[in-house]
Protein backbone atom coordinates (compact mmCIF):
# COMPACT_ATOMS: atom_id res chain seq x y z
CA UNK A 1 58.63 78.56 -198.63
CA UNK A 2 59.26 82.28 -197.96
CA UNK A 3 56.05 82.79 -200.73
CA UNK A 4 53.78 81.42 -197.45
CA UNK A 5 55.39 83.47 -194.63
CA UNK A 6 54.57 86.41 -197.40
CA UNK A 7 51.23 85.41 -197.70
CA UNK A 8 50.88 85.27 -193.94
CA UNK A 9 52.05 88.54 -192.91
CA UNK A 10 48.79 90.77 -193.91
CA UNK A 11 46.42 88.10 -191.97
CA UNK A 12 49.13 88.19 -188.88
CA UNK A 13 48.59 92.37 -188.88
CA UNK A 14 45.57 91.92 -188.92
CA UNK A 15 44.52 89.23 -186.22
CA UNK A 16 47.90 91.82 -184.16
CA UNK A 17 45.40 94.96 -185.14
CA UNK A 18 42.47 93.18 -183.92
CA UNK A 19 44.16 92.06 -180.31
CA UNK A 20 46.03 95.15 -179.92
CA UNK A 21 43.72 98.36 -181.08
CA UNK A 22 40.69 97.41 -178.00
CA UNK A 23 40.53 100.85 -176.92
CA UNK A 24 40.06 102.18 -179.81
CA UNK A 25 36.41 101.11 -180.49
CA UNK A 26 35.72 101.97 -177.42
CA UNK A 27 32.05 103.56 -176.77
CA UNK A 28 31.11 106.19 -174.31
CA UNK A 29 27.94 107.79 -174.24
CA UNK A 30 28.09 111.27 -174.46
CA UNK A 31 24.67 113.55 -172.52
CA UNK A 32 24.37 116.64 -173.76
CA UNK A 33 22.69 119.14 -171.33
CA UNK A 34 21.53 122.55 -170.36
CA UNK A 35 21.36 124.54 -166.96
CA UNK A 36 17.63 125.04 -166.17
CA UNK A 37 16.57 121.38 -168.52
CA UNK A 38 14.10 119.72 -165.84
CA UNK A 39 14.41 116.69 -167.74
CA UNK A 40 17.98 116.43 -167.09
CA UNK A 41 17.88 117.37 -163.90
CA UNK A 42 15.54 114.35 -163.32
CA UNK A 43 17.35 111.61 -165.19
CA UNK A 44 20.34 113.09 -163.06
CA UNK A 45 18.30 112.57 -159.55
CA UNK A 46 16.75 108.85 -160.76
CA UNK A 47 19.72 107.53 -163.30
CA UNK A 48 23.38 109.63 -162.84
CA UNK A 49 24.47 108.49 -159.56
CA UNK A 50 24.28 104.19 -160.61
CA UNK A 51 24.32 104.70 -163.85
CA UNK A 52 28.42 104.35 -163.45
CA UNK A 53 27.70 101.05 -161.09
CA UNK A 54 25.96 99.15 -163.98
CA UNK A 55 26.89 97.16 -167.11
CA UNK A 56 25.48 99.66 -169.64
CA UNK A 57 27.81 102.22 -167.59
CA UNK A 58 30.88 99.66 -167.91
CA UNK A 59 30.55 99.48 -171.19
CA UNK A 60 30.12 102.84 -172.33
CA UNK A 61 31.32 105.81 -170.05
CA UNK A 62 29.21 108.52 -169.65
CA UNK A 63 30.32 112.10 -170.49
CA UNK A 64 28.87 115.80 -170.31
CA UNK A 65 28.67 117.93 -172.11
CA UNK A 66 26.76 121.32 -172.46
CA UNK A 67 24.76 122.34 -174.88
CA UNK A 68 26.26 124.48 -177.64
CA UNK A 69 29.78 124.58 -175.65
CA UNK A 70 33.06 123.62 -176.72
CA UNK A 71 32.84 119.97 -176.20
CA UNK A 72 30.14 119.27 -178.96
CA UNK A 73 32.36 120.91 -181.70
CA UNK A 74 34.56 117.34 -180.78
CA UNK A 75 31.88 114.98 -181.65
CA UNK A 76 30.98 113.98 -185.03
CA UNK A 77 27.35 114.24 -185.03
CA UNK A 78 25.14 112.98 -187.99
CA UNK A 79 22.38 116.44 -187.52
CA UNK A 80 22.23 118.68 -185.31
CA UNK A 81 21.07 119.00 -180.98
CA UNK A 82 17.66 120.43 -180.87
CA UNK A 83 17.10 119.82 -177.14
CA UNK A 84 18.28 118.30 -173.81
CA UNK A 85 18.67 115.59 -173.00
CA UNK A 86 19.75 113.97 -175.96
CA UNK A 87 22.28 110.71 -175.34
CA UNK A 88 24.27 110.63 -177.96
CA UNK A 89 26.41 106.85 -178.46
CA UNK A 90 29.95 107.91 -179.78
CA UNK A 91 32.42 105.15 -181.26
CA UNK A 92 35.92 106.04 -180.12
CA UNK A 93 37.28 108.95 -182.20
CA UNK A 94 33.82 110.55 -180.76
CA UNK A 95 31.93 109.88 -184.04
CA UNK A 96 28.04 109.16 -183.62
CA UNK A 97 26.61 105.47 -183.61
CA UNK A 98 23.59 106.02 -182.57
CA UNK A 99 21.21 108.55 -179.93
CA UNK A 100 17.90 108.74 -177.82
CA UNK A 101 16.49 111.89 -177.78
CA UNK A 102 14.90 113.37 -174.60
CA UNK A 103 14.03 111.83 -171.29
CA UNK A 104 11.65 109.07 -171.06
CA UNK A 105 11.52 108.28 -167.10
CA UNK A 106 13.62 105.23 -165.81
CA UNK A 107 11.98 102.53 -166.99
CA UNK A 108 11.82 103.44 -170.99
CA UNK A 109 15.34 105.04 -170.36
CA UNK A 110 16.76 101.56 -169.28
CA UNK A 111 15.12 99.71 -171.97
CA UNK A 112 16.10 102.16 -174.94
CA UNK A 113 19.98 102.48 -173.99
CA UNK A 114 20.35 98.58 -173.56
CA UNK A 115 18.56 97.96 -177.16
CA UNK A 116 20.23 100.96 -178.89
CA UNK A 117 23.82 99.20 -176.98
CA UNK A 118 23.33 95.80 -178.23
CA UNK A 119 21.88 97.63 -182.31
CA UNK A 120 24.73 99.38 -182.51
CA UNK A 121 28.15 97.77 -180.56
CA UNK A 122 28.69 94.04 -179.63
CA UNK A 123 27.42 94.71 -176.52
CA UNK A 124 26.06 91.85 -175.23
CA UNK A 125 27.62 89.85 -177.19
CA UNK A 126 29.37 86.51 -175.15
CA UNK A 127 33.31 86.96 -175.56
């Protein structure tokens, strides 16, 4: 019997890890913006007020960072952000999962965001 218990320990540890690591697996949407950005202002007017009230906003809360600001250094990006707005989907430790560059308008934004969330996370997967 002791060997069975010894063999179960790794499995039980994995189950416990899976149950208690939820926040570490969380994602957020980082909006890289800069002062004077016309498309940032347009996103702020069209999407900004409603984003936190949506399923997408609940799943991937928005964090804003200034292009070239100190907060950018805390992100682990796959490549440099060249223009604004750029929306970077990051995991719980700030590593880039994917990005949307620019703001093509409200109709395109929601579809592109939905596709990115579904392709790169467990968003929309029934629990």
